[in-house]
């Protein structure tokens, strides 16, 4: 499964609404995945899995159980893990951009939740891009791995 973010179509609210009918919904409570929850809350359009819409949902009420997305790494296919991380990041951004940093006005989602508009000054808010660097330390055909003392996983 490869997620098509449908950038060229997400500006059309009618098209987004039509994708919602048979969509896959990924419920989250704050930054934790809630796979067994009934998804009711603010939705963000992630993209298409084939022709099927995929939405992340910020639950309005705390569910009975949640899962840290990081704990699922290695248990899920790479594409599934990537989609959950994307959902978590976009919902986190949206939840923390409810008010404009320039004027303090309330913001509203647009483009399926991938843009927020300030109702006070009209400023457009977009998700942040935070660059990362991945480095492999290698010597004579061997790689150096490290791990955090609280984790059993090497990185």
C-alpha atoms as a PDB file:
ATOM      1  CA  UNK A   1       0.000   0.000   0.000  1.00  0.00           C
ATOM      2  CA  UNK A   2       1.323   3.398  -1.003  1.00  0.00           C
ATOM      3  CA  UNK A   3      -0.425   6.541   0.189  1.00  0.00           C
ATOM      4  CA  UNK A   4      -1.160   9.086  -2.552  1.00  0.00           C
ATOM      5  CA  UNK A   5      -1.451  12.420  -0.742  1.00  0.00           C
ATOM      6  CA  UNK A   6      -3.662  13.761  -3.572  1.00  0.00           C
ATOM      7  CA  UNK A   7      -2.165  17.230  -3.274  1.00  0.00           C
ATOM      8  CA  UNK A   8      -3.777  18.408  -6.510  1.00  0.00           C
ATOM      9  CA  UNK A   9      -7.304  17.526  -5.315  1.00  0.00           C
ATOM     10  CA  UNK A  10      -7.355  18.260  -1.593  1.00  0.00           C
ATOM     11  CA  UNK A  11      -8.384  21.907  -2.137  1.00  0.00           C
ATOM     12  CA  UNK A  12     -11.851  20.728  -3.247  1.00  0.00           C
ATOM     13  CA  UNK A  13     -14.049  20.215  -0.142  1.00  0.00           C
ATOM     14  CA  UNK A  14     -16.667  18.283  -2.152  1.00  0.00           C
ATOM     15  CA  UNK A  15     -14.019  15.864  -3.395  1.00  0.00           C
ATOM     16  CA  UNK A  16     -12.718  15.411   0.182  1.00  0.00           C
ATOM     17  CA  UNK A  17     -16.273  14.774   1.453  1.00  0.00           C
ATOM     18  CA  UNK A  18     -16.820  12.125  -1.228  1.00  0.00           C
ATOM     19  CA  UNK A  19     -13.616  10.320  -0.103  1.00  0.00           C
ATOM     20  CA  UNK A  20     -15.003  10.181   3.439  1.00  0.00           C
ATOM     21  CA  UNK A  21     -17.854   7.783   2.563  1.00  0.00           C
ATOM     22  CA  UNK A  22     -15.858   4.520   2.517  1.00  0.00           C
ATOM     23  CA  UNK A  23     -12.682   5.865   4.094  1.00  0.00           C
ATOM     24  CA  UNK A  24     -10.189   4.213   6.360  1.00  0.00           C
ATOM     25  CA  UNK A  25     -10.128   6.128   9.642  1.00  0.00           C
ATOM     26  CA  UNK A  26      -7.101   6.203  11.940  1.00  0.00           C
ATOM     27  CA  UNK A  27      -8.226   7.335  15.419  1.00  0.00           C
ATOM     28  CA  UNK A  28      -5.785   9.077  17.770  1.00  0.00           C
ATOM     29  CA  UNK A  29      -6.098  10.443  21.281  1.00  0.00           C
ATOM     30  CA  UNK A  30      -3.567  13.225  21.510  1.00  0.00           C
ATOM     31  CA  UNK A  31      -0.407  11.585  20.159  1.00  0.00           C
ATOM     32  CA  UNK A  32      -1.420   7.974  20.795  1.00  0.00           C
ATOM     33  CA  UNK A  33      -3.041   5.598  18.311  1.00  0.00           C
ATOM     34  CA  UNK A  34      -6.423   4.209  19.387  1.00  0.00           C
ATOM     35  CA  UNK A  35      -7.096   1.391  16.882  1.00  0.00           C
ATOM     36  CA  UNK A  36     -10.054  -0.069  18.796  1.00  0.00           C
ATOM     37  CA  UNK A  37     -11.913   3.239  19.161  1.00  0.00           C
ATOM     38  CA  UNK A  38     -14.957   4.512  17.317  1.00  0.00           C
ATOM     39  CA  UNK A  39     -13.514   7.474  15.389  1.00  0.00           C
ATOM     40  CA  UNK A  40     -15.475  10.645  16.197  1.00  0.00           C
ATOM     41  CA  UNK A  41     -13.719  13.992  16.168  1.00  0.00           C
ATOM     42  CA  UNK A  42     -11.826  16.419  13.958  1.00  0.00           C
ATOM     43  CA  UNK A  43     -10.587  14.711  10.802  1.00  0.00           C
ATOM     44  CA  UNK A  44      -7.533  15.352   8.660  1.00  0.00           C
ATOM     45  CA  UNK A  45      -7.286  13.958   5.135  1.00  0.00           C
ATOM     46  CA  UNK A  46      -4.048  12.007   4.709  1.00  0.00           C
ATOM     47  CA  UNK A  47      -4.506  10.817   1.143  1.00  0.00           C
ATOM     48  CA  UNK A  48      -5.650   7.858  -0.924  1.00  0.00           C
ATOM     49  CA  UNK A  49      -4.945   4.165  -0.611  1.00  0.00           C
ATOM     50  CA  UNK A  50      -5.889   3.256  -4.169  1.00  0.00           C
ATOM     51  CA  UNK A  51      -9.239   5.052  -4.511  1.00  0.00           C
ATOM     52  CA  UNK A  52     -10.093   4.795  -0.812  1.00  0.00           C
ATOM     53  CA  UNK A  53      -9.656   7.888   1.342  1.00  0.00           C
ATOM     54  CA  UNK A  54      -7.537   7.713   4.489  1.00  0.00           C
ATOM     55  CA  UNK A  55      -8.253  10.121   7.346  1.00  0.00           C
ATOM     56  CA  UNK A  56      -6.641  10.646  10.740  1.00  0.00           C
ATOM     57  CA  UNK A  57      -9.170  11.446  13.459  1.00  0.00           C
ATOM     58  CA  UNK A  58      -8.438  13.396  16.651  1.00  0.00           C
ATOM     59  CA  UNK A  59     -10.800  11.772  19.151  1.00  0.00           C
ATOM     60  CA  UNK A  60     -12.973  14.145  21.146  1.00  0.00           C
ATOM     61  CA  UNK A  61     -12.979  11.881  24.222  1.00  0.00           C
ATOM     62  CA  UNK A  62     -10.297   9.724  25.804  1.00  0.00           C
ATOM     63  CA  UNK A  63     -10.636   6.093  24.687  1.00  0.00           C
ATOM     64  CA  UNK A  64     -10.324   2.999  26.875  1.00  0.00           C
ATOM     65  CA  UNK A  65      -6.955   2.064  25.387  1.00  0.00           C
ATOM     66  CA  UNK A  66      -4.249   3.626  23.236  1.00  0.00           C
ATOM     67  CA  UNK A  67      -0.915   2.559  21.780  1.00  0.00           C
ATOM     68  CA  UNK A  68       2.300   4.510  21.352  1.00  0.00           C
ATOM     69  CA  UNK A  69       3.005   4.471  17.610  1.00  0.00           C
ATOM     70  CA  UNK A  70       6.717   3.852  18.250  1.00  0.00           C
ATOM     71  CA  UNK A  71       5.897   0.560  19.968  1.00  0.00           C
ATOM     72  CA  UNK A  72       4.441  -0.726  16.686  1.00  0.00           C
ATOM     73  CA  UNK A  73       7.631  -0.300  14.647  1.00  0.00           C
ATOM     74  CA  UNK A  74       8.868  -3.638  13.448  1.00  0.00           C
ATOM     75  CA  UNK A  75       5.412  -5.179  13.869  1.00  0.00           C
ATOM     76  CA  UNK A  76       3.823  -3.372  10.922  1.00  0.00           C
ATOM     77  CA  UNK A  77       4.761  -3.074   7.275  1.00  0.00           C
ATOM     78  CA  UNK A  78       6.927  -0.037   6.508  1.00  0.00           C
ATOM     79  CA  UNK A  79       4.133   1.743   4.595  1.00  0.00           C
ATOM     80  CA  UNK A  80       1.669   1.204   7.456  1.00  0.00           C
ATOM     81  CA  UNK A  81       4.164   2.558   9.991  1.00  0.00           C
ATOM     82  CA  UNK A  82       4.865   5.570   7.781  1.00  0.00           C
ATOM     83  CA  UNK A  83       1.147   6.318   7.477  1.00  0.00           C
ATOM     84  CA  UNK A  84       0.652   6.187  11.265  1.00  0.00           C
ATOM     85  CA  UNK A  85       3.627   8.494  11.847  1.00  0.00           C
ATOM     86  CA  UNK A  86       2.278  10.915   9.234  1.00  0.00           C
ATOM     87  CA  UNK A  87      -1.175  10.819  10.876  1.00  0.00           C
ATOM     88  CA  UNK A  88       0.290  11.444  14.322  1.00  0.00           C
ATOM     89  CA  UNK A  89       2.432  14.349  13.096  1.00  0.00           C
ATOM     90  CA  UNK A  90      -0.366  16.061  11.170  1.00  0.00           C
ATOM     91  CA  UNK A  91      -2.837  15.755  14.054  1.00  0.00           C
ATOM     92  CA  UNK A  92      -0.211  17.028  16.504  1.00  0.00           C
ATOM     93  CA  UNK A  93       0.436  20.054  14.299  1.00  0.00           C
ATOM     94  CA  UNK A  94      -3.280  20.747  13.833  1.00  0.00           C
ATOM     95  CA  UNK A  95      -4.016  20.442  17.560  1.00  0.00           C
ATOM     96  CA  UNK A  96      -1.233  22.917  18.366  1.00  0.00           C
ATOM     97  CA  UNK A  97      -2.212  25.477  15.712  1.00  0.00           C
ATOM     98  CA  UNK A  98      -5.753  26.241  16.893  1.00  0.00           C
ATOM     99  CA  UNK A  99      -4.723  29.863  17.401  1.00  0.00           C
ATOM    100  CA  UNK A 100      -2.611  32.137  15.230  1.00  0.00           C
ATOM    101  CA  UNK A 101       0.910  32.913  16.413  1.00  0.00           C
ATOM    102  CA  UNK A 102       0.744  36.372  14.794  1.00  0.00           C
ATOM    103  CA  UNK A 103      -2.522  37.781  16.179  1.00  0.00           C
ATOM    104  CA  UNK A 104      -3.933  35.136  18.552  1.00  0.00           C
ATOM    105  CA  UNK A 105      -7.048  34.658  16.421  1.00  0.00           C
ATOM    106  CA  UNK A 106      -8.772  31.304  16.075  1.00  0.00           C
ATOM    107  CA  UNK A 107      -7.789  29.165  13.083  1.00  0.00           C
ATOM    108  CA  UNK A 108      -9.909  26.867  10.916  1.00  0.00           C
ATOM    109  CA  UNK A 109      -8.778  23.872   8.847  1.00  0.00           C
ATOM    110  CA  UNK A 110      -8.765  23.960   5.054  1.00  0.00           C
ATOM    111  CA  UNK A 111      -7.574  21.594   2.299  1.00  0.00           C
ATOM    112  CA  UNK A 112      -8.685  18.576   4.280  1.00  0.00           C
ATOM    113  CA  UNK A 113      -6.928  19.846   7.402  1.00  0.00           C
ATOM    114  CA  UNK A 114      -3.530  20.296   5.759  1.00  0.00           C
ATOM    115  CA  UNK A 115      -3.717  24.092   6.005  1.00  0.00           C
ATOM    116  CA  UNK A 116      -5.171  26.254   8.780  1.00  0.00           C
ATOM    117  CA  UNK A 117      -6.434  29.800   8.177  1.00  0.00           C
ATOM    118  CA  UNK A 118      -6.493  32.517  10.834  1.00  0.00           C
ATOM    119  CA  UNK A 119      -9.938  34.064  11.160  1.00  0.00           C
ATOM    120  CA  UNK A 120      -8.374  37.218  12.636  1.00  0.00           C
ATOM    121  CA  UNK A 121      -5.625  38.247  10.239  1.00  0.00           C
ATOM    122  CA  UNK A 122      -6.038  35.785   7.356  1.00  0.00           C
ATOM    123  CA  UNK A 123      -2.603  34.200   7.802  1.00  0.00           C
ATOM    124  CA  UNK A 124      -2.209  30.694   6.344  1.00  0.00           C
ATOM    125  CA  UNK A 125      -0.545  28.136   8.595  1.00  0.00           C
ATOM    126  CA  UNK A 126       1.187  25.060   7.183  1.00  0.00           C
ATOM    127  CA  UNK A 127       2.688  22.005   8.886  1.00  0.00           C
ATOM    128  CA  UNK A 128       6.325  22.444   9.825  1.00  0.00           C
ATOM    129  CA  UNK A 129       9.026  20.542   8.048  1.00  0.00           C
ATOM    130  CA  UNK A 130      11.761  19.451  10.391  1.00  0.00           C
ATOM    131  CA  UNK A 131      14.811  18.133   8.582  1.00  0.00           C
ATOM    132  CA  UNK A 132      16.521  15.017   9.843  1.00  0.00           C
ATOM    133  CA  UNK A 133      19.926  13.594   9.129  1.00  0.00           C
ATOM    134  CA  UNK A 134      20.518   9.861   8.965  1.00  0.00           C
ATOM    135  CA  UNK A 135      24.144   8.819   9.191  1.00  0.00           C
ATOM    136  CA  UNK A 136      25.848   5.454   8.951  1.00  0.00           C
ATOM    137  CA  UNK A 137      29.204   5.189  10.721  1.00  0.00           C
ATOM    138  CA  UNK A 138      31.104   2.511   8.814  1.00  0.00           C
ATOM    139  CA  UNK A 139      34.658   1.212   8.991  1.00  0.00           C
ATOM    140  CA  UNK A 140      36.145  -1.691   7.051  1.00  0.00           C
ATOM    141  CA  UNK A 141      32.729  -3.103   6.170  1.00  0.00           C
ATOM    142  CA  UNK A 142      31.358  -2.886   9.705  1.00  0.00           C
ATOM    143  CA  UNK A 143      28.643  -0.520  10.926  1.00  0.00           C
ATOM    144  CA  UNK A 144      28.433   1.145  14.324  1.00  0.00           C
ATOM    145  CA  UNK A 145      25.025   0.943  15.975  1.00  0.00           C
ATOM    146  CA  UNK A 146      23.890   2.604  19.160  1.00  0.00           C
ATOM    147  CA  UNK A 147      20.878   2.320  21.400  1.00  0.00           C
ATOM    148  CA  UNK A 148      19.309   4.280  24.179  1.00  0.00           C
ATOM    149  CA  UNK A 149      19.647   2.579  27.560  1.00  0.00           C
ATOM    150  CA  UNK A 150      15.836   2.476  27.962  1.00  0.00           C
ATOM    151  CA  UNK A 151      15.309   0.675  24.658  1.00  0.00           C
ATOM    152  CA  UNK A 152      16.081  -2.819  23.453  1.00  0.00           C
ATOM    153  CA  UNK A 153      16.291  -1.568  19.875  1.00  0.00           C
ATOM    154  CA  UNK A 154      19.410  -0.472  18.062  1.00  0.00           C
ATOM    155  CA  UNK A 155      19.344   2.584  15.863  1.00  0.00           C
END
